[in-house]
C-alpha atoms as a PDB file:
ATOM      1  CA  MET A   1       3.146-119.853  19.168  1.00  0.00           C
ATOM      2  CA  LYS A   2       5.833-117.650  20.632  1.00  0.00           C
ATOM      3  CA  ASN A   3       4.508-114.211  21.609  1.00  0.00           C
ATOM      4  CA  TYR A   4       7.693-112.421  22.699  1.00  0.00           C
ATOM      5  CA  TYR A   5      11.220-112.223  21.315  1.00  0.00           C
ATOM      6  CA  LYS A   6      14.419-111.097  22.987  1.00  0.00           C
ATOM      7  CA  ILE A   7      16.587-108.370  21.523  1.00  0.00           C
ATOM      8  CA  ASN A   8      19.321-110.830  20.455  1.00  0.00           C
ATOM      9  CA  GLU A   9      16.750-112.965  18.635  1.00  0.00           C
ATOM     10  CA  ILE A  10      15.423-109.942  16.729  1.00  0.00           C
ATOM     11  CA  SER A  11      18.973-108.785  15.988  1.00  0.00           C
ATOM     12  CA  LYS A  12      19.877-112.137  14.393  1.00  0.00           C
ATOM     13  CA  LEU A  13      16.549-112.500  12.595  1.00  0.00           C
ATOM     14  CA  TYR A  14      16.828-109.130  10.864  1.00  0.00           C
ATOM     15  CA  ASN A  15      20.600-108.819  10.794  1.00  0.00           C
ATOM     16  CA  ILE A  16      20.248-105.531  12.678  1.00  0.00           C
ATOM     17  CA  GLY A  17      22.703-104.525  15.379  1.00  0.00           C
ATOM     18  CA  VAL A  18      21.504-104.402  18.942  1.00  0.00           C
ATOM     19  CA  ASP A  19      22.545-100.745  19.087  1.00  0.00           C
ATOM     20  CA  SER A  20      20.285 -99.973  16.109  1.00  0.00           C
ATOM     21  CA  LEU A  21      17.335-101.631  17.832  1.00  0.00           C
ATOM     22  CA  ARG A  22      17.975 -99.543  20.921  1.00  0.00           C
ATOM     23  CA  TYR A  23      18.207 -96.433  18.737  1.00  0.00           C
ATOM     24  CA  TYR A  24      14.846 -97.255  17.118  1.00  0.00           C
ATOM     25  CA  GLU A  25      13.415 -97.406  20.612  1.00  0.00           C
ATOM     26  CA  GLU A  26      14.988 -94.071  21.581  1.00  0.00           C
ATOM     27  CA  ILE A  27      13.431 -92.234  18.636  1.00  0.00           C
ATOM     28  CA  GLY A  28      10.058 -93.843  19.280  1.00  0.00           C
ATOM     29  CA  ILE A  29       9.796 -96.152  16.270  1.00  0.00           C
ATOM     30  CA  LEU A  30       9.788 -99.338  18.364  1.00  0.00           C
ATOM     31  CA  HIS A  31       8.054 -99.847  21.704  1.00  0.00           C
ATOM     32  CA  PRO A  32       9.247-103.146  23.192  1.00  0.00           C
ATOM     33  CA  MET A  33       7.727-104.323  26.451  1.00  0.00           C
ATOM     34  CA  ARG A  34       9.815-105.137  29.516  1.00  0.00           C
ATOM     35  CA  ASP A  35       9.701-108.291  31.590  1.00  0.00           C
ATOM     36  CA  LYS A  36      10.103-108.358  35.364  1.00  0.00           C
ATOM     37  CA  ASN A  37      13.891-108.273  34.930  1.00  0.00           C
ATOM     38  CA  ARG A  38      13.613-105.215  32.657  1.00  0.00           C
ATOM     39  CA  TYR A  39      14.686-107.206  29.576  1.00  0.00           C
ATOM     40  CA  ARG A  40      13.169-106.013  26.325  1.00  0.00           C
ATOM     41  CA  GLN A  41      10.421-108.170  24.824  1.00  0.00           C
ATOM     42  CA  TYR A  42       9.458-107.639  21.183  1.00  0.00           C
ATOM     43  CA  THR A  43       5.972-108.531  19.990  1.00  0.00           C
ATOM     44  CA  THR A  44       4.569-109.312  16.557  1.00  0.00           C
ATOM     45  CA  SER A  45       3.629-105.629  16.348  1.00  0.00           C
ATOM     46  CA  ASP A  46       7.307-104.698  16.702  1.00  0.00           C
ATOM     47  CA  ILE A  47       8.204-107.247  14.037  1.00  0.00           C
ATOM     48  CA  TYR A  48       5.624-105.696  11.707  1.00  0.00           C
ATOM     49  CA  ARG A  49       7.216-102.297  12.283  1.00  0.00           C
ATOM     50  CA  LEU A  50      10.690-103.702  11.659  1.00  0.00           C
ATOM     51  CA  ASN A  51       9.488-105.130   8.348  1.00  0.00           C
ATOM     52  CA  MET A  52       8.266-101.688   7.354  1.00  0.00           C
ATOM     53  CA  ILE A  53      11.438 -99.962   8.557  1.00  0.00           C
ATOM     54  CA  ARG A  54      13.626-102.399   6.595  1.00  0.00           C
ATOM     55  CA  ASP A  55      11.612-101.998   3.392  1.00  0.00           C
ATOM     56  CA  LEU A  56      11.400 -98.215   3.642  1.00  0.00           C
ATOM     57  CA  ARG A  57      15.100 -97.860   4.467  1.00  0.00           C
ATOM     58  CA  ASN A  58      15.897 -99.982   1.408  1.00  0.00           C
ATOM     59  CA  LEU A  59      13.920 -97.478  -0.650  1.00  0.00           C
ATOM     60  CA  GLY A  60      15.955 -94.610   0.778  1.00  0.00           C
ATOM     61  CA  PHE A  61      13.486 -93.051   3.220  1.00  0.00           C
ATOM     62  CA  SER A  62      15.047 -91.214   6.154  1.00  0.00           C
ATOM     63  CA  MET A  63      14.469 -92.386   9.709  1.00  0.00           C
ATOM     64  CA  LYS A  64      12.730 -89.071  10.422  1.00  0.00           C
ATOM     65  CA  HIS A  65      10.333 -89.645   7.527  1.00  0.00           C
ATOM     66  CA  ILE A  66       9.662 -93.237   8.602  1.00  0.00           C
ATOM     67  CA  ALA A  67       9.085 -92.252  12.233  1.00  0.00           C
ATOM     68  CA  ALA A  68       6.611 -89.535  11.216  1.00  0.00           C
ATOM     69  CA  TYR A  69       4.664 -91.976   9.092  1.00  0.00           C
ATOM     70  CA  LEU A  70       4.560 -94.770  11.681  1.00  0.00           C
ATOM     71  CA  GLU A  71       3.300 -92.427  14.371  1.00  0.00           C
ATOM     72  CA  ASN A  72       0.687 -90.747  12.168  1.00  0.00           C
ATOM     73  CA  ARG A  73      -0.782 -93.587  10.150  1.00  0.00           C
ATOM     74  CA  THR A  74      -4.168 -93.041   8.566  1.00  0.00           C
ATOM     75  CA  ILE A  75      -5.673 -94.497   5.421  1.00  0.00           C
ATOM     76  CA  GLU A  76      -5.002 -91.203   3.649  1.00  0.00           C
ATOM     77  CA  ASN A  77      -1.372 -91.090   4.838  1.00  0.00           C
ATOM     78  CA  SER A  78      -0.841 -94.747   3.972  1.00  0.00           C
ATOM     79  CA  LEU A  79      -2.150 -94.251   0.428  1.00  0.00           C
ATOM     80  CA  ALA A  80       0.096 -91.206  -0.056  1.00  0.00           C
ATOM     81  CA  PHE A  81       3.069 -93.118   1.311  1.00  0.00           C
ATOM     82  CA  MET A  82       2.345 -96.085  -0.963  1.00  0.00           C
ATOM     83  CA  GLU A  83       2.236 -93.788  -3.980  1.00  0.00           C
ATOM     84  CA  GLU A  84       5.645 -92.423  -3.012  1.00  0.00           C
ATOM     85  CA  GLU A  85       6.967 -95.967  -2.554  1.00  0.00           C
ATOM     86  CA  GLU A  86       5.594 -96.924  -5.961  1.00  0.00           C
ATOM     87  CA  ARG A  87       7.317 -93.946  -7.584  1.00  0.00           C
ATOM     88  CA  ILE A  88      10.646 -94.922  -6.027  1.00  0.00           C
ATOM     89  CA  VAL A  89      10.195 -98.578  -7.036  1.00  0.00           C
ATOM     90  CA  ASP A  90       9.467 -97.542 -10.646  1.00  0.00           C
ATOM     91  CA  GLN A  91      12.615 -95.417 -10.613  1.00  0.00           C
ATOM     92  CA  ARG A  92      14.655 -98.331  -9.275  1.00  0.00           C
ATOM     93  CA  ILE A  93      13.219-100.601 -11.985  1.00  0.00           C
ATOM     94  CA  GLN A  94      14.344 -98.159 -14.669  1.00  0.00           C
ATOM     95  CA  GLU A  95      17.805 -97.935 -13.098  1.00  0.00           C
ATOM     96  CA  LEU A  96      18.076-101.736 -12.964  1.00  0.00           C
ATOM     97  CA  LYS A  97      16.948-102.036 -16.583  1.00  0.00           C
ATOM     98  CA  LYS A  98      19.658 -99.568 -17.576  1.00  0.00           C
ATOM     99  CA  LEU A  99      22.208-101.464 -15.504  1.00  0.00           C
ATOM    100  CA  LYS A 100      21.207-104.747 -17.163  1.00  0.00           C
ATOM    101  CA  LYS A 101      21.464-103.160 -20.614  1.00  0.00           C
ATOM    102  CA  ASP A 102      24.905-101.791 -19.756  1.00  0.00           C
ATOM    103  CA  LEU A 103      26.056-105.197 -18.473  1.00  0.00           C
ATOM    104  CA  GLN A 104      24.808-106.930 -21.625  1.00  0.00           C
ATOM    105  CA  ARG A 105      26.604-104.383 -23.750  1.00  0.00           C
ATOM    106  CA  ARG A 106      29.859-104.763 -21.816  1.00  0.00           C
ATOM    107  CA  LYS A 107      29.607-108.544 -22.027  1.00  0.00           C
ATOM    108  CA  ALA A 108      29.012-108.433 -25.803  1.00  0.00           C
ATOM    109  CA  SER A 109      31.908-105.999 -26.241  1.00  0.00           C
ATOM    110  CA  LEU A 110      34.229-108.205 -24.187  1.00  0.00           C
ATOM    111  CA  LEU A 111      33.300-111.323 -26.147  1.00  0.00           C
ATOM    112  CA  LYS A 112      33.792-109.461 -29.426  1.00  0.00           C
ATOM    113  CA  SER A 113      37.202-108.202 -28.294  1.00  0.00           C
ATOM    114  CA  THR A 114      38.460-111.725 -27.646  1.00  0.00           C
ATOM    115  CA  LYS A 115      37.867-112.624 -31.305  1.00  0.00           C
ATOM    116  CA  VAL A 116      39.858-109.870 -33.023  1.00  0.00           C
ATOM    117  CA  VAL A 117      42.849-110.692 -35.237  1.00  0.00           C
ATOM    118  CA  PHE A 118      46.132-109.459 -33.796  1.00  0.00           C
ATOM    119  CA  ASP A 119      49.042-107.705 -35.535  1.00  0.00           C
ATOM    120  CA  LYS A 120      47.100-107.226 -38.771  1.00  0.00           C
ATOM    121  CA  MET A 121      47.055-103.904 -40.641  1.00  0.00           C
ATOM    122  CA  GLU A 122      43.477-103.053 -41.655  1.00  0.00           C
ATOM    123  CA  LEU A 123      42.070-100.084 -43.518  1.00  0.00           C
ATOM    124  CA  LEU A 124      38.636 -99.199 -42.146  1.00  0.00           C
ATOM    125  CA  HIS A 125      36.113 -96.585 -43.181  1.00  0.00           C
ATOM    126  CA  LEU A 126      34.668 -95.233 -39.934  1.00  0.00           C
ATOM    127  CA  ASN A 127      31.784 -92.846 -39.292  1.00  0.00           C
ATOM    128  CA  GLN A 128      31.971 -89.796 -37.046  1.00  0.00           C
ATOM    129  CA  ARG A 129      32.501 -90.608 -33.373  1.00  0.00           C
ATOM    130  CA  LYS A 130      31.558 -88.473 -30.368  1.00  0.00           C
ATOM    131  CA  CYS A 131      34.379 -87.754 -27.964  1.00  0.00           C
ATOM    132  CA  VAL A 132      35.458 -85.948 -24.802  1.00  0.00           C
ATOM    133  CA  SER A 133      39.087 -85.473 -23.839  1.00  0.00           C
ATOM    134  CA  LEU A 134      41.417 -84.181 -21.155  1.00  0.00           C
ATOM    135  CA  ALA A 135      44.971 -82.991 -21.745  1.00  0.00           C
ATOM    136  CA  THR A 136      47.668 -85.064 -20.081  1.00  0.00           C
ATOM    137  CA  ASP A 137      51.404 -85.113 -19.552  1.00  0.00           C
ATOM    138  CA  ASP A 138      53.314 -88.287 -20.333  1.00  0.00           C
ATOM    139  CA  ILE A 139      55.841 -87.580 -17.579  1.00  0.00           C
ATOM    140  CA  HIS A 140      53.718 -86.338 -14.688  1.00  0.00           C
ATOM    141  CA  ASP A 141      50.198 -87.693 -15.274  1.00  0.00           C
ATOM    142  CA  ASP A 142      48.973 -91.241 -14.781  1.00  0.00           C
ATOM    143  CA  ILE A 143      46.707 -92.253 -17.684  1.00  0.00           C
ATOM    144  CA  GLU A 144      44.259 -94.206 -15.527  1.00  0.00           C
ATOM    145  CA  TYR A 145      43.962 -91.315 -13.076  1.00  0.00           C
ATOM    146  CA  GLN A 146      43.340 -88.879 -15.934  1.00  0.00           C
ATOM    147  CA  LEU A 147      40.565 -91.105 -17.303  1.00  0.00           C
ATOM    148  CA  ILE A 148      38.904 -91.157 -13.887  1.00  0.00           C
ATOM    149  CA  LYS A 149      39.112 -87.338 -13.746  1.00  0.00           C
ATOM    150  CA  LEU A 150      37.572 -87.143 -17.207  1.00  0.00           C
ATOM    151  CA  SER A 151      34.725 -89.517 -16.346  1.00  0.00           C
ATOM    152  CA  LYS A 152      34.084 -87.541 -13.143  1.00  0.00           C
ATOM    153  CA  GLU A 153      33.822 -84.337 -15.164  1.00  0.00           C
ATOM    154  CA  TYR A 154      31.134 -85.936 -17.322  1.00  0.00           C
ATOM    155  CA  GLU A 155      29.575 -88.157 -14.637  1.00  0.00           C
ATOM    156  CA  ASP A 156      25.995 -87.163 -15.546  1.00  0.00           C
ATOM    157  CA  ASN A 157      26.703 -88.348 -19.091  1.00  0.00           C
ATOM    158  CA  ILE A 158      28.854 -91.400 -18.366  1.00  0.00           C
ATOM    159  CA  TYR A 159      27.193 -94.097 -16.266  1.00  0.00           C
ATOM    160  CA  THR A 160      30.274 -96.276 -15.986  1.00  0.00           C
ATOM    161  CA  ILE A 161      33.576 -95.920 -17.753  1.00  0.00           C
ATOM    162  CA  GLY A 162      33.560 -99.614 -18.687  1.00  0.00           C
ATOM    163  CA  ASN A 163      30.729 -98.942 -21.151  1.00  0.00           C
ATOM    164  CA  PHE A 164      32.789 -96.607 -23.309  1.00  0.00           C
ATOM    165  CA  HIS A 165      35.825 -96.662 -25.558  1.00  0.00           C
ATOM    166  CA  THR A 166      38.691 -95.192 -23.575  1.00  0.00           C
ATOM    167  CA  GLY A 167      42.276 -94.450 -24.452  1.00  0.00           C
ATOM    168  CA  CYS A 168      44.629 -91.629 -25.325  1.00  0.00           C
ATOM    169  CA  PHE A 169      45.664 -89.516 -28.273  1.00  0.00           C
ATOM    170  CA  LEU A 170      49.343 -89.896 -29.101  1.00  0.00           C
ATOM    171  CA  ASN A 171      51.582 -87.173 -30.476  1.00  0.00           C
ATOM    172  CA  ILE A 172      53.613 -88.724 -33.324  1.00  0.00           C
ATOM    173  CA  GLU A 173      55.337 -85.627 -34.697  1.00  0.00           C
ATOM    174  CA  ASP A 174      58.637 -87.139 -33.564  1.00  0.00           C
ATOM    175  CA  LYS A 175      58.609 -90.898 -34.171  1.00  0.00           C
ATOM    176  CA  ASN A 176      61.386 -91.292 -31.619  1.00  0.00           C
ATOM    177  CA  HIS A 177      59.429 -89.494 -28.906  1.00  0.00           C
ATOM    178  CA  ILE A 178      55.830 -90.657 -29.190  1.00  0.00           C
ATOM    179  CA  HIS A 179      53.856 -89.572 -26.147  1.00  0.00           C
ATOM    180  CA  PRO A 180      50.249 -89.106 -24.939  1.00  0.00           C
ATOM    181  CA  SER A 181      48.768 -85.667 -25.469  1.00  0.00           C
ATOM    182  CA  SER A 182      45.333 -86.302 -23.943  1.00  0.00           C
ATOM    183  CA  VAL A 183      43.059 -89.066 -22.718  1.00  0.00           C
ATOM    184  CA  PHE A 184      39.644 -89.618 -24.277  1.00  0.00           C
ATOM    185  CA  ILE A 185      36.285 -91.267 -23.786  1.00  0.00           C
ATOM    186  CA  MET A 186      34.492 -92.044 -27.015  1.00  0.00           C
ATOM    187  CA  GLU A 187      31.036 -93.403 -27.780  1.00  0.00           C
ATOM    188  CA  ASP A 188      28.037 -92.619 -29.988  1.00  0.00           C
ATOM    189  CA  THR A 189      25.740 -92.617 -26.941  1.00  0.00           C
ATOM    190  CA  LEU A 190      27.423 -89.551 -25.416  1.00  0.00           C
ATOM    191  CA  THR A 191      24.821 -86.794 -25.181  1.00  0.00           C
ATOM    192  CA  ASP A 192      27.259 -84.135 -23.997  1.00  0.00           C
ATOM    193  CA  TYR A 193      30.488 -84.185 -25.985  1.00  0.00           C
ATOM    194  CA  GLU A 194      33.271 -81.804 -26.982  1.00  0.00           C
ATOM    195  CA  PHE A 195      33.892 -82.796 -30.583  1.00  0.00           C
ATOM    196  CA  THR A 196      33.548 -85.562 -33.133  1.00  0.00           C
ATOM    197  CA  LEU A 197      36.287 -87.525 -34.798  1.00  0.00           C
ATOM    198  CA  PRO A 198      35.808 -87.080 -38.534  1.00  0.00           C
ATOM    199  CA  GLU A 199      34.419 -89.755 -40.780  1.00  0.00           C
ATOM    200  CA  GLY A 200      37.122 -91.209 -42.963  1.00  0.00           C
ATOM    201  CA  LEU A 201      39.759 -93.826 -43.602  1.00  0.00           C
ATOM    202  CA  TYR A 202      41.650 -95.240 -40.627  1.00  0.00           C
ATOM    203  CA  LEU A 203      44.535 -97.668 -40.413  1.00  0.00           C
ATOM    204  CA  ASN A 204      43.761-100.094 -37.593  1.00  0.00           C
ATOM    205  CA  LEU A 205      45.803-102.653 -35.652  1.00  0.00           C
ATOM    206  CA  TYR A 206      45.207-104.779 -32.540  1.00  0.00           C
ATOM    207  CA  TYR A 207      47.879-106.359 -30.402  1.00  0.00           C
ATOM    208  CA  GLN A 208      47.719-108.527 -27.304  1.00  0.00           C
ATOM    209  CA  GLY A 209      49.792-108.452 -24.148  1.00  0.00           C
ATOM    210  CA  PRO A 210      51.229-105.699 -21.949  1.00  0.00           C
ATOM    211  CA  ARG A 211      50.971-102.167 -23.266  1.00  0.00           C
ATOM    212  CA  ASP A 212      53.893-101.436 -25.602  1.00  0.00           C
ATOM    213  CA  PRO A 213      55.986 -98.779 -23.780  1.00  0.00           C
ATOM    214  CA  ASP A 214      58.153 -98.107 -26.831  1.00  0.00           C
ATOM    215  CA  TYR A 215      55.233 -97.925 -29.277  1.00  0.00           C
ATOM    216  CA  GLN A 216      56.843-100.462 -31.613  1.00  0.00           C
ATOM    217  CA  HIS A 217      53.453-101.442 -33.056  1.00  0.00           C
ATOM    218  CA  LEU A 218      52.606 -97.829 -33.759  1.00  0.00           C
ATOM    219  CA  LYS A 219      55.975 -97.247 -35.384  1.00  0.00           C
ATOM    220  CA  MET A 220      55.261-100.226 -37.650  1.00  0.00           C
ATOM    221  CA  MET A 221      51.979 -98.576 -38.654  1.00  0.00           C
ATOM    222  CA  ILE A 222      53.738 -95.303 -39.436  1.00  0.00           C
ATOM    223  CA  GLU A 223      56.251 -97.166 -41.606  1.00  0.00           C
ATOM    224  CA  TYR A 224      53.393 -99.011 -43.309  1.00  0.00           C
ATOM    225  CA  CYS A 225      51.826 -95.653 -44.229  1.00  0.00           C
ATOM    226  CA  GLN A 226      55.117 -94.430 -45.688  1.00  0.00           C
ATOM    227  CA  GLN A 227      55.616 -97.616 -47.698  1.00  0.00           C
ATOM    228  CA  HIS A 228      52.049 -97.630 -49.077  1.00  0.00           C
ATOM    229  CA  HIS A 229      51.822 -93.889 -49.713  1.00  0.00           C
ATOM    230  CA  TYR A 230      49.293 -92.955 -47.060  1.00  0.00           C
ATOM    231  CA  THR A 231      49.419 -89.546 -45.389  1.00  0.00           C
ATOM    232  CA  ILE A 232      48.667 -89.459 -41.660  1.00  0.00           C
ATOM    233  CA  VAL A 233      46.258 -86.582 -41.049  1.00  0.00           C
ATOM    234  CA  SER A 234      45.870 -86.552 -37.249  1.00  0.00           C
ATOM    235  CA  GLU A 235      47.291 -87.808 -33.993  1.00  0.00           C
ATOM    236  CA  ALA A 236      47.324 -91.536 -33.347  1.00  0.00           C
ATOM    237  CA  MET A 237      44.725 -93.123 -31.090  1.00  0.00           C
ATOM    238  CA  GLU A 238      45.430 -95.847 -28.559  1.00  0.00           C
ATOM    239  CA  PHE A 239      42.336 -97.689 -27.276  1.00  0.00           C
ATOM    240  CA  PHE A 240      42.469 -99.740 -24.073  1.00  0.00           C
ATOM    241  CA  VAL A 241      40.160-102.499 -25.280  1.00  0.00           C
ATOM    242  CA  ILE A 242      40.949-104.957 -22.500  1.00  0.00           C
ATOM    243  CA  ASP A 243      43.065-103.889 -19.554  1.00  0.00           C
ATOM    244  CA  VAL A 244      43.111-103.968 -15.762  1.00  0.00           C
ATOM    245  CA  HIS A 245      39.330-103.391 -15.647  1.00  0.00           C
ATOM    246  CA  GLU A 246      38.677-106.823 -17.171  1.00  0.00           C
ATOM    247  CA  THR A 247      41.672-108.955 -16.186  1.00  0.00           C
ATOM    248  CA  ARG A 248      44.687-109.095 -13.897  1.00  0.00           C
ATOM    249  CA  GLN A 249      46.627-111.096 -16.494  1.00  0.00           C
ATOM    250  CA  LYS A 250      48.631-108.647 -18.599  1.00  0.00           C
ATOM    251  CA  GLU A 251      49.081-111.234 -21.331  1.00  0.00           C
ATOM    252  CA  GLU A 252      45.290-110.960 -21.859  1.00  0.00           C
ATOM    253  CA  TYR A 253      45.376-107.194 -22.425  1.00  0.00           C
ATOM    254  CA  ILE A 254      44.247-105.996 -25.854  1.00  0.00           C
ATOM    255  CA  THR A 255      45.248-102.625 -27.273  1.00  0.00           C
ATOM    256  CA  GLN A 256      43.872-101.092 -30.452  1.00  0.00           C
ATOM    257  CA  LEU A 257      45.770 -98.485 -32.468  1.00  0.00           C
ATOM    258  CA  GLN A 258      44.292 -96.225 -35.136  1.00  0.00           C
ATOM    259  CA  LEU A 259      45.671 -93.647 -37.542  1.00  0.00           C
ATOM    260  CA  GLN A 260      43.475 -91.464 -39.709  1.00  0.00           C
ATOM    261  CA  VAL A 261      44.984 -91.506 -43.184  1.00  0.00           C
ATOM    262  CA  CYS A 262      44.368 -90.402 -46.740  1.00  0.00           C
ATOM    263  CA  GLN A 263      45.841 -91.674 -49.971  1.00  0.00           C
ATOM    264  CA  THR A 264      48.872 -89.667 -51.094  1.00  0.00           C
ATOM    265  CA  LYS A 265      48.367 -88.273 -54.570  1.00  0.00           C
END
């Protein structure tokens, strides 16, 4: 059985840079022996310490904290340290469970989105929806950048923007100059939100392909409302159902448009 290992062997075995191993020695965490040529020789004791350092670093412990523990190990200290490790592991488990739930939700949403019917006018009765928004400028502001700013503002509430309905409110006062008025993030799971979209009747339409820069689909919806005697009671909503976050192929993009309406008496 081999009793000593050279620094390059340890570096490759643990995928740790030689400089890091030297640093561990400088701060007193590792104590390699020296052969007659002054080359470092690492023992099984050093390997045991490296195992601990790797595991504790993965849990987020600082080098100072690790060094203090390794140099002052007692049964009492070890038990206390293990309890702290267990707490961190439990926290990581909860975070991973949340991440898995979010991934499953995003996957289900993506699969559902690929099965919608395109270019079909639908009247839907929708419940209240929680929402946050950020004013934008159709000339000077990039929509994607504004959404990132909005998600950053609510980062404690929004784990990842891909889990939420995102898009922009569109000013349709002038049908010939439709433009974004604000971006939004919308979802029932929001715990901190600015307002709710009212429950009611909404005209809905999906279309596939690049985002319509001239809003021809939305103009068709406005004309549909006029022809069927529906009054539009709020700004239009443009949802980015599938966009650059899910695909690089613009022909795969899916956009959803909604107008809150009421029957004209």
